[in-house]
Amino acid sequence: MFLAGPKFKNPPASKLASDFRPFDPGIKLCDYLQTYEVTTMKYQIKDGTVTLGGETIVSHIDFEIQGNQKIAVVGRNGAGKTTLLRLIAGELSLDRDDRRQGPGITASRQLTVEMLGQQALAGEERTVEELVMLNCPAKGPFDRERFEYEREYDTLFTGLGFQKEDKKRSVAAFSGGQKTKIALIQLLLKKPDLLLLDEPTSSLDLRHQVEVLTTARRVATKQGKGVILSMHDINLAARYADTILLMKDGGIVASGAPADVLT
């Protein structure tokens, strides 16, 4: 899905900060700076509250992620972790609050967001191959993009413990933990700006937990994308996140680097 950010009229082609040349003919320094700011991913929630069925689930939170940051949202059941992820995914909206200054949610540009839920691929009957190839950017069998997509698909698939022959099997034939892995592969191949993982290790043993979290972090970092994951285990989260948010009763009670939150 897409999250809309601010739009600018006819911005120049995207450039890196090191490419700024204010004396290029016909292009102003402010245009370069504006483009650099727009193309750098940044997402913010300011003073956000979500009420469902008359009950406040998330209350007056401030949240921010930018670039390829990896954030773990940690807390007990009912703390508001999944609700926060669903809000970021666009499945929920903030309550109207006349006291809040500004729109509540802002993004530096249009963002692509994908979420791996707790019941990944439940009821899916297609084969792994049919499912994953739906998102291939090139349909022609000899397209370069298709070759690169299939090569990355193969690397992820075998790297997460599957055999190449498993691609022809129905998704329904796999266990819950294996379905989580297949869904993760599908989302990583989409290369969203923000990848949301809701309790991605809940149906996995420790070895496969490490496998999934290591893969998600490594691939998203290589792609330059951000990751937000929710989980119960703060020690496991500290191994894979740059920042930890500790939630309790719908609020964020601690935030910072793992070493700071754990002490």
C-alpha atoms as a PDB file:
ATOM      1  CA  MET A   1       0.000   0.000   0.000  1.00  0.00           C
ATOM      2  CA  PHE A   2       0.995   3.625  -0.342  1.00  0.00           C
ATOM      3  CA  LEU A   3       1.163   6.439   2.202  1.00  0.00           C
ATOM      4  CA  ALA A   4       1.046   9.899   0.680  1.00  0.00           C
ATOM      5  CA  GLY A   5       3.624  12.526   1.497  1.00  0.00           C
ATOM      6  CA  PRO A   6       4.024  16.151   0.408  1.00  0.00           C
ATOM      7  CA  LYS A   7       4.063  16.806  -3.329  1.00  0.00           C
ATOM      8  CA  PHE A   8       6.271  19.276  -5.179  1.00  0.00           C
ATOM      9  CA  LYS A   9       5.812  20.724  -8.620  1.00  0.00           C
ATOM     10  CA  ASN A  10       8.252  19.295 -11.181  1.00  0.00           C
ATOM     11  CA  PRO A  11      11.110  18.382  -8.799  1.00  0.00           C
ATOM     12  CA  PRO A  12      14.514  17.731 -10.385  1.00  0.00           C
ATOM     13  CA  ALA A  13      15.826  14.196 -10.771  1.00  0.00           C
ATOM     14  CA  SER A  14      16.834  12.546  -7.495  1.00  0.00           C
ATOM     15  CA  LYS A  15      20.446  13.075  -6.413  1.00  0.00           C
ATOM     16  CA  LEU A  16      22.620  12.080  -3.494  1.00  0.00           C
ATOM     17  CA  ALA A  17      23.817  14.712  -1.054  1.00  0.00           C
ATOM     18  CA  SER A  18      27.335  14.345  -2.469  1.00  0.00           C
ATOM     19  CA  ASP A  19      26.016  15.255  -5.932  1.00  0.00           C
ATOM     20  CA  PHE A  20      24.856  18.750  -4.969  1.00  0.00           C
ATOM     21  CA  ARG A  21      26.265  21.227  -7.497  1.00  0.00           C
ATOM     22  CA  PRO A  22      24.578  24.616  -7.040  1.00  0.00           C
ATOM     23  CA  PHE A  23      26.159  25.976 -10.186  1.00  0.00           C
ATOM     24  CA  ASP A  24      24.598  23.401 -12.537  1.00  0.00           C
ATOM     25  CA  PRO A  25      22.794  25.428 -15.218  1.00  0.00           C
ATOM     26  CA  GLY A  26      19.145  26.061 -14.478  1.00  0.00           C
ATOM     27  CA  ILE A  27      19.015  24.231 -11.131  1.00  0.00           C
ATOM     28  CA  LYS A  28      19.022  25.999  -7.786  1.00  0.00           C
ATOM     29  CA  LEU A  29      20.631  24.707  -4.606  1.00  0.00           C
ATOM     30  CA  CYS A  30      17.252  24.833  -2.851  1.00  0.00           C
ATOM     31  CA  ASP A  31      15.860  22.462  -5.512  1.00  0.00           C
ATOM     32  CA  TYR A  32      18.622  19.955  -4.772  1.00  0.00           C
ATOM     33  CA  LEU A  33      18.070  20.200  -1.034  1.00  0.00           C
ATOM     34  CA  GLN A  34      14.326  19.890  -1.469  1.00  0.00           C
ATOM     35  CA  THR A  35      14.701  16.765  -3.605  1.00  0.00           C
ATOM     36  CA  TYR A  36      17.126  15.143  -1.161  1.00  0.00           C
ATOM     37  CA  GLU A  37      14.705  15.765   1.704  1.00  0.00           C
ATOM     38  CA  VAL A  38      11.729  14.415  -0.249  1.00  0.00           C
ATOM     39  CA  THR A  39      13.475  11.205  -1.348  1.00  0.00           C
ATOM     40  CA  THR A  40      14.747  10.357   2.153  1.00  0.00           C
ATOM     41  CA  MET A  41      12.149   8.219   3.921  1.00  0.00           C
ATOM     42  CA  LYS A  42      10.754   9.690   7.116  1.00  0.00           C
ATOM     43  CA  TYR A  43       7.494   8.813   8.872  1.00  0.00           C
ATOM     44  CA  GLN A  44       6.131  10.463  12.028  1.00  0.00           C
ATOM     45  CA  ILE A  45       3.183  10.190  14.388  1.00  0.00           C
ATOM     46  CA  LYS A  46       2.607  13.140  16.703  1.00  0.00           C
ATOM     47  CA  ASP A  47       0.358  12.860  19.751  1.00  0.00           C
ATOM     48  CA  GLY A  48      -1.538   9.928  18.251  1.00  0.00           C
ATOM     49  CA  THR A  49      -4.509   8.170  19.847  1.00  0.00           C
ATOM     50  CA  VAL A  50      -6.508   5.199  18.516  1.00  0.00           C
ATOM     51  CA  THR A  51      -9.854   4.155  19.979  1.00  0.00           C
ATOM     52  CA  LEU A  52     -11.571   0.915  18.950  1.00  0.00           C
ATOM     53  CA  GLY A  53     -15.033  -0.092  20.130  1.00  0.00           C
ATOM     54  CA  GLY A  54     -15.056   2.705  22.683  1.00  0.00           C
ATOM     55  CA  GLU A  55     -11.748   1.585  24.228  1.00  0.00           C
ATOM     56  CA  THR A  56      -8.540   3.577  23.913  1.00  0.00           C
ATOM     57  CA  ILE A  57      -5.882   1.163  22.621  1.00  0.00           C
ATOM     58  CA  VAL A  58      -3.061   3.603  21.839  1.00  0.00           C
ATOM     59  CA  SER A  59      -2.879   6.873  23.745  1.00  0.00           C
ATOM     60  CA  HIS A  60      -1.032  10.095  22.819  1.00  0.00           C
ATOM     61  CA  ILE A  61       2.062   8.479  21.364  1.00  0.00           C
ATOM     62  CA  ASP A  62       4.924  10.070  19.451  1.00  0.00           C
ATOM     63  CA  PHE A  63       6.731   7.860  16.946  1.00  0.00           C
ATOM     64  CA  GLU A  64       9.327   8.364  14.214  1.00  0.00           C
ATOM     65  CA  ILE A  65      11.320   6.208  11.805  1.00  0.00           C
ATOM     66  CA  GLN A  66      13.617   7.291   9.000  1.00  0.00           C
ATOM     67  CA  GLY A  67      15.983   5.836   6.437  1.00  0.00           C
ATOM     68  CA  ASN A  68      16.835   2.180   6.983  1.00  0.00           C
ATOM     69  CA  GLN A  69      16.270   2.276  10.736  1.00  0.00           C
ATOM     70  CA  LYS A  70      15.216  -0.956  12.486  1.00  0.00           C
ATOM     71  CA  ILE A  71      12.758  -0.471  15.382  1.00  0.00           C
ATOM     72  CA  ALA A  72      11.432  -3.143  17.752  1.00  0.00           C
ATOM     73  CA  VAL A  73       8.157  -2.450  19.566  1.00  0.00           C
ATOM     74  CA  VAL A  74       8.153  -4.568  22.723  1.00  0.00           C
ATOM     75  CA  GLY A  75       5.463  -5.188  25.321  1.00  0.00           C
ATOM     76  CA  ARG A  76       2.988  -7.672  26.766  1.00  0.00           C
ATOM     77  CA  ASN A  77      -0.259  -8.708  25.082  1.00  0.00           C
ATOM     78  CA  GLY A  78      -2.664  -5.786  25.028  1.00  0.00           C
ATOM     79  CA  ALA A  79       0.086  -3.168  25.240  1.00  0.00           C
ATOM     80  CA  GLY A  80      -0.875  -1.704  21.841  1.00  0.00           C
ATOM     81  CA  LYS A  81       1.906  -3.125  19.654  1.00  0.00           C
ATOM     82  CA  THR A  82      -0.273  -4.575  16.891  1.00  0.00           C
ATOM     83  CA  THR A  83      -2.524  -1.519  16.885  1.00  0.00           C
ATOM     84  CA  LEU A  84       0.490   0.720  16.332  1.00  0.00           C
ATOM     85  CA  LEU A  85       1.619  -1.412  13.383  1.00  0.00           C
ATOM     86  CA  ARG A  86      -1.883  -1.454  11.904  1.00  0.00           C
ATOM     87  CA  LEU A  87      -1.965   2.332  12.204  1.00  0.00           C
ATOM     88  CA  ILE A  88       1.328   2.654  10.328  1.00  0.00           C
ATOM     89  CA  ALA A  89       0.071   0.163   7.717  1.00  0.00           C
ATOM     90  CA  GLY A  90      -2.940   2.396   7.076  1.00  0.00           C
ATOM     91  CA  GLU A  91      -5.465  -0.137   8.356  1.00  0.00           C
ATOM     92  CA  LEU A  92      -6.495   2.186  11.201  1.00  0.00           C
ATOM     93  CA  SER A  93      -6.821   5.953  11.583  1.00  0.00           C
ATOM     94  CA  LEU A  94      -6.011   8.311  14.417  1.00  0.00           C
ATOM     95  CA  ASP A  95      -8.846   9.661  16.531  1.00  0.00           C
ATOM     96  CA  ARG A  96      -9.832  13.204  15.771  1.00  0.00           C
ATOM     97  CA  ASP A  97      -8.192  15.468  18.349  1.00  0.00           C
ATOM     98  CA  ASP A  98      -8.874  19.198  18.181  1.00  0.00           C
ATOM     99  CA  ARG A  99      -6.040  19.837  20.656  1.00  0.00           C
ATOM    100  CA  ARG A 100      -3.392  18.211  18.478  1.00  0.00           C
ATOM    101  CA  GLN A 101      -1.167  20.539  16.512  1.00  0.00           C
ATOM    102  CA  GLY A 102      -0.796  19.406  12.909  1.00  0.00           C
ATOM    103  CA  PRO A 103      -2.141  16.378  11.020  1.00  0.00           C
ATOM    104  CA  GLY A 104      -0.930  13.706  13.462  1.00  0.00           C
ATOM    105  CA  ILE A 105       0.745  11.568  10.780  1.00  0.00           C
ATOM    106  CA  THR A 106       3.267  12.907   8.274  1.00  0.00           C
ATOM    107  CA  ALA A 107       5.584  11.339   5.698  1.00  0.00           C
ATOM    108  CA  SER A 108       8.435  12.943   3.786  1.00  0.00           C
ATOM    109  CA  ARG A 109       7.134  11.453   0.535  1.00  0.00           C
ATOM    110  CA  GLN A 110       4.786   8.765  -0.750  1.00  0.00           C
ATOM    111  CA  LEU A 111       5.766   5.561   1.039  1.00  0.00           C
ATOM    112  CA  THR A 112       5.161   1.901   0.271  1.00  0.00           C
ATOM    113  CA  VAL A 113       4.284  -0.116   3.389  1.00  0.00           C
ATOM    114  CA  GLU A 114       3.829  -3.886   3.724  1.00  0.00           C
ATOM    115  CA  MET A 115       2.833  -5.792   6.849  1.00  0.00           C
ATOM    116  CA  LEU A 116       3.432  -9.419   7.833  1.00  0.00           C
ATOM    117  CA  GLY A 117       0.561 -10.374  10.127  1.00  0.00           C
ATOM    118  CA  GLN A 118       0.368 -13.096  12.745  1.00  0.00           C
ATOM    119  CA  GLN A 119      -1.789 -15.401  10.583  1.00  0.00           C
ATOM    120  CA  ALA A 120       0.282 -15.146   7.421  1.00  0.00           C
ATOM    121  CA  LEU A 121      -1.156 -16.826   4.303  1.00  0.00           C
ATOM    122  CA  ALA A 122      -3.962 -18.564   6.190  1.00  0.00           C
ATOM    123  CA  GLY A 123      -6.221 -20.280   3.666  1.00  0.00           C
ATOM    124  CA  GLU A 124      -3.836 -19.733   0.748  1.00  0.00           C
ATOM    125  CA  GLU A 125      -4.139 -22.609  -1.750  1.00  0.00           C
ATOM    126  CA  ARG A 126      -1.816 -21.517  -4.566  1.00  0.00           C
ATOM    127  CA  THR A 127       1.663 -22.931  -4.923  1.00  0.00           C
ATOM    128  CA  VAL A 128       4.603 -20.979  -3.550  1.00  0.00           C
ATOM    129  CA  GLU A 129       5.735 -20.291  -7.112  1.00  0.00           C
ATOM    130  CA  GLU A 130       2.340 -18.947  -8.190  1.00  0.00           C
ATOM    131  CA  LEU A 131       2.100 -16.721  -5.132  1.00  0.00           C
ATOM    132  CA  VAL A 132       5.594 -15.238  -5.177  1.00  0.00           C
ATOM    133  CA  MET A 133       5.722 -14.679  -8.938  1.00  0.00           C
ATOM    134  CA  LEU A 134       2.573 -12.532  -8.810  1.00  0.00           C
ATOM    135  CA  ASN A 135       4.774  -9.588  -7.822  1.00  0.00           C
ATOM    136  CA  CYS A 136       7.477 -10.117 -10.436  1.00  0.00           C
ATOM    137  CA  PRO A 137       7.992  -6.725 -12.142  1.00  0.00           C
ATOM    138  CA  ALA A 138       8.555  -8.298 -15.583  1.00  0.00           C
ATOM    139  CA  LYS A 139       6.269 -10.917 -17.102  1.00  0.00           C
ATOM    140  CA  GLY A 140       8.350 -11.875 -20.146  1.00  0.00           C
ATOM    141  CA  PRO A 141      10.405 -15.063 -19.589  1.00  0.00           C
ATOM    142  CA  PHE A 142      13.597 -13.468 -20.930  1.00  0.00           C
ATOM    143  CA  ASP A 143      13.383 -10.048 -19.253  1.00  0.00           C
ATOM    144  CA  ARG A 144      16.422  -8.999 -17.231  1.00  0.00           C
ATOM    145  CA  GLU A 145      14.202  -7.831 -14.357  1.00  0.00           C
ATOM    146  CA  ARG A 146      12.570 -11.249 -14.185  1.00  0.00           C
ATOM    147  CA  PHE A 147      15.982 -12.943 -14.055  1.00  0.00           C
ATOM    148  CA  GLU A 148      17.108 -10.714 -11.165  1.00  0.00           C
ATOM    149  CA  TYR A 149      13.806 -11.236  -9.329  1.00  0.00           C
ATOM    150  CA  GLU A 150      14.005 -15.033  -9.648  1.00  0.00           C
ATOM    151  CA  ARG A 151      17.626 -15.075  -8.542  1.00  0.00           C
ATOM    152  CA  GLU A 152      16.809 -13.086  -5.407  1.00  0.00           C
ATOM    153  CA  TYR A 153      13.770 -15.302  -4.825  1.00  0.00           C
ATOM    154  CA  ASP A 154      15.943 -18.434  -5.036  1.00  0.00           C
ATOM    155  CA  THR A 155      18.492 -16.988  -2.613  1.00  0.00           C
ATOM    156  CA  LEU A 156      15.865 -16.082  -0.020  1.00  0.00           C
ATOM    157  CA  PHE A 157      13.944 -19.339  -0.431  1.00  0.00           C
ATOM    158  CA  THR A 158      16.898 -21.684   0.044  1.00  0.00           C
ATOM    159  CA  GLY A 159      18.442 -19.375   2.648  1.00  0.00           C
ATOM    160  CA  LEU A 160      15.373 -19.844   4.837  1.00  0.00           C
ATOM    161  CA  GLY A 161      15.680 -23.622   4.750  1.00  0.00           C
ATOM    162  CA  PHE A 162      13.464 -24.623   1.821  1.00  0.00           C
ATOM    163  CA  GLN A 163      14.352 -26.910  -1.064  1.00  0.00           C
ATOM    164  CA  LYS A 164      13.871 -25.628  -4.605  1.00  0.00           C
ATOM    165  CA  GLU A 165      11.323 -28.410  -5.172  1.00  0.00           C
ATOM    166  CA  ASP A 166       9.141 -26.848  -2.457  1.00  0.00           C
ATOM    167  CA  LYS A 167       8.222 -24.019  -4.839  1.00  0.00           C
ATOM    168  CA  LYS A 168       5.770 -26.364  -6.588  1.00  0.00           C
ATOM    169  CA  ARG A 169       3.946 -27.281  -3.380  1.00  0.00           C
ATOM    170  CA  SER A 170       0.717 -25.663  -2.236  1.00  0.00           C
ATOM    171  CA  VAL A 171       1.170 -23.049   0.491  1.00  0.00           C
ATOM    172  CA  ALA A 172      -1.546 -24.862   2.443  1.00  0.00           C
ATOM    173  CA  ALA A 173       0.777 -27.865   2.830  1.00  0.00           C
ATOM    174  CA  PHE A 174       3.280 -25.947   4.958  1.00  0.00           C
ATOM    175  CA  SER A 175       3.274 -25.386   8.729  1.00  0.00           C
ATOM    176  CA  GLY A 176       2.430 -22.033  10.290  1.00  0.00           C
ATOM    177  CA  GLY A 177       6.096 -21.195  10.797  1.00  0.00           C
ATOM    178  CA  GLN A 178       6.928 -22.086   7.193  1.00  0.00           C
ATOM    179  CA  LYS A 179       4.046 -19.914   5.959  1.00  0.00           C
ATOM    180  CA  THR A 180       5.546 -17.021   7.933  1.00  0.00           C
ATOM    181  CA  LYS A 181       8.834 -17.537   6.092  1.00  0.00           C
ATOM    182  CA  ILE A 182       7.115 -17.690   2.689  1.00  0.00           C
ATOM    183  CA  ALA A 183       5.157 -14.517   3.437  1.00  0.00           C
ATOM    184  CA  LEU A 184       8.374 -12.786   4.521  1.00  0.00           C
ATOM    185  CA  ILE A 185      10.043 -13.765   1.232  1.00  0.00           C
ATOM    186  CA  GLN A 186       7.079 -12.369  -0.702  1.00  0.00           C
ATOM    187  CA  LEU A 187       7.249  -9.035   1.137  1.00  0.00           C
ATOM    188  CA  LEU A 188      11.041  -8.681   0.949  1.00  0.00           C
ATOM    189  CA  LEU A 189      10.828  -9.131  -2.818  1.00  0.00           C
ATOM    190  CA  LYS A 190       8.362  -6.221  -2.968  1.00  0.00           C
ATOM    191  CA  LYS A 191      11.034  -3.978  -1.355  1.00  0.00           C
ATOM    192  CA  PRO A 192       8.669  -1.655   0.542  1.00  0.00           C
ATOM    193  CA  ASP A 193       9.958   1.515   2.189  1.00  0.00           C
ATOM    194  CA  LEU A 194       8.615   0.189   5.492  1.00  0.00           C
ATOM    195  CA  LEU A 195       8.346  -3.491   6.369  1.00  0.00           C
ATOM    196  CA  LEU A 196       6.131  -4.202   9.376  1.00  0.00           C
ATOM    197  CA  LEU A 197       6.524  -7.553  11.148  1.00  0.00           C
ATOM    198  CA  ASP A 198       3.846  -8.349  13.741  1.00  0.00           C
ATOM    199  CA  GLU A 199       5.144 -11.065  16.091  1.00  0.00           C
ATOM    200  CA  PRO A 200       7.092 -12.710  13.231  1.00  0.00           C
ATOM    201  CA  THR A 201       8.704 -15.325  15.497  1.00  0.00           C
ATOM    202  CA  SER A 202       5.643 -16.443  17.494  1.00  0.00           C
ATOM    203  CA  SER A 203       5.272 -19.797  15.706  1.00  0.00           C
ATOM    204  CA  LEU A 204       8.992 -20.547  15.306  1.00  0.00           C
ATOM    205  CA  ASP A 205      11.569 -22.325  17.429  1.00  0.00           C
ATOM    206  CA  LEU A 206      14.691 -20.411  18.460  1.00  0.00           C
ATOM    207  CA  ARG A 207      16.814 -21.458  15.479  1.00  0.00           C
ATOM    208  CA  HIS A 208      14.174 -20.349  12.998  1.00  0.00           C
ATOM    209  CA  GLN A 209      13.518 -17.140  14.960  1.00  0.00           C
ATOM    210  CA  VAL A 210      17.157 -16.198  14.506  1.00  0.00           C
ATOM    211  CA  GLU A 211      16.984 -17.201  10.836  1.00  0.00           C
ATOM    212  CA  VAL A 212      13.931 -15.032  10.112  1.00  0.00           C
ATOM    213  CA  LEU A 213      15.129 -11.958  12.008  1.00  0.00           C
ATOM    214  CA  THR A 214      18.639 -12.166  10.557  1.00  0.00           C
ATOM    215  CA  THR A 215      17.256 -12.430   7.021  1.00  0.00           C
ATOM    216  CA  ALA A 216      14.804  -9.557   7.466  1.00  0.00           C
ATOM    217  CA  ARG A 217      17.474  -7.254   8.867  1.00  0.00           C
ATOM    218  CA  ARG A 218      20.149  -8.199   6.328  1.00  0.00           C
ATOM    219  CA  VAL A 219      17.936  -7.869   3.252  1.00  0.00           C
ATOM    220  CA  ALA A 220      16.200  -4.667   4.378  1.00  0.00           C
ATOM    221  CA  THR A 221      19.560  -3.092   5.199  1.00  0.00           C
ATOM    222  CA  LYS A 222      20.906  -4.035   1.763  1.00  0.00           C
ATOM    223  CA  GLN A 223      17.793  -2.520   0.179  1.00  0.00           C
ATOM    224  CA  GLY A 224      18.082   0.604   2.335  1.00  0.00           C
ATOM    225  CA  LYS A 225      14.600   0.069   3.810  1.00  0.00           C
ATOM    226  CA  GLY A 226      13.135   0.496   7.298  1.00  0.00           C
ATOM    227  CA  VAL A 227      11.756  -2.291   9.491  1.00  0.00           C
ATOM    228  CA  ILE A 228       9.362  -2.122  12.440  1.00  0.00           C
ATOM    229  CA  LEU A 229       8.739  -5.357  14.337  1.00  0.00           C
ATOM    230  CA  SER A 230       6.613  -6.144  17.362  1.00  0.00           C
ATOM    231  CA  MET A 231       7.533  -8.864  19.827  1.00  0.00           C
ATOM    232  CA  HIS A 232       7.507  -9.925  23.472  1.00  0.00           C
ATOM    233  CA  ASP A 233      11.153 -10.895  23.922  1.00  0.00           C
ATOM    234  CA  ILE A 234      13.129  -7.717  24.621  1.00  0.00           C
ATOM    235  CA  ASN A 235      16.460  -9.562  24.669  1.00  0.00           C
ATOM    236  CA  LEU A 236      15.844 -11.035  21.219  1.00  0.00           C
ATOM    237  CA  ALA A 237      14.660  -7.652  19.955  1.00  0.00           C
ATOM    238  CA  ALA A 238      17.865  -6.037  21.190  1.00  0.00           C
ATOM    239  CA  ARG A 239      19.916  -8.282  18.877  1.00  0.00           C
ATOM    240  CA  TYR A 240      18.200  -7.053  15.711  1.00  0.00           C
ATOM    241  CA  ALA A 241      16.928  -3.515  16.344  1.00  0.00           C
ATOM    242  CA  ASP A 242      18.684  -0.156  16.405  1.00  0.00           C
ATOM    243  CA  THR A 243      15.933   1.280  18.602  1.00  0.00           C
ATOM    244  CA  ILE A 244      13.541  -0.300  21.094  1.00  0.00           C
ATOM    245  CA  LEU A 245      10.140   1.136  22.018  1.00  0.00           C
ATOM    246  CA  LEU A 246       8.694  -0.325  25.199  1.00  0.00           C
ATOM    247  CA  MET A 247       4.895  -0.135  25.289  1.00  0.00           C
ATOM    248  CA  LYS A 248       2.544  -0.522  28.252  1.00  0.00           C
ATOM    249  CA  ASP A 249      -1.211   0.153  28.461  1.00  0.00           C
ATOM    250  CA  GLY A 250      -1.254   1.862  25.064  1.00  0.00           C
ATOM    251  CA  GLY A 251       1.619   4.236  25.700  1.00  0.00           C
ATOM    252  CA  ILE A 252       5.337   4.305  25.011  1.00  0.00           C
ATOM    253  CA  VAL A 253       7.099   4.174  28.388  1.00  0.00           C
ATOM    254  CA  ALA A 254      10.688   3.898  27.162  1.00  0.00           C
ATOM    255  CA  SER A 255      12.507   4.514  23.894  1.00  0.00           C
ATOM    256  CA  GLY A 256      16.126   4.403  22.824  1.00  0.00           C
ATOM    257  CA  ALA A 257      19.096   2.264  21.907  1.00  0.00           C
ATOM    258  CA  PRO A 258      18.843  -1.322  23.226  1.00  0.00           C
ATOM    259  CA  ALA A 259      21.654  -0.792  25.732  1.00  0.00           C
ATOM    260  CA  ASP A 260      19.865   2.230  27.200  1.00  0.00           C
ATOM    261  CA  VAL A 261      16.423   0.597  27.420  1.00  0.00           C
ATOM    262  CA  LEU A 262      17.749  -2.627  28.919  1.00  0.00           C
ATOM    263  CA  THR A 263      19.580  -0.877  31.785  1.00  0.00           C
END
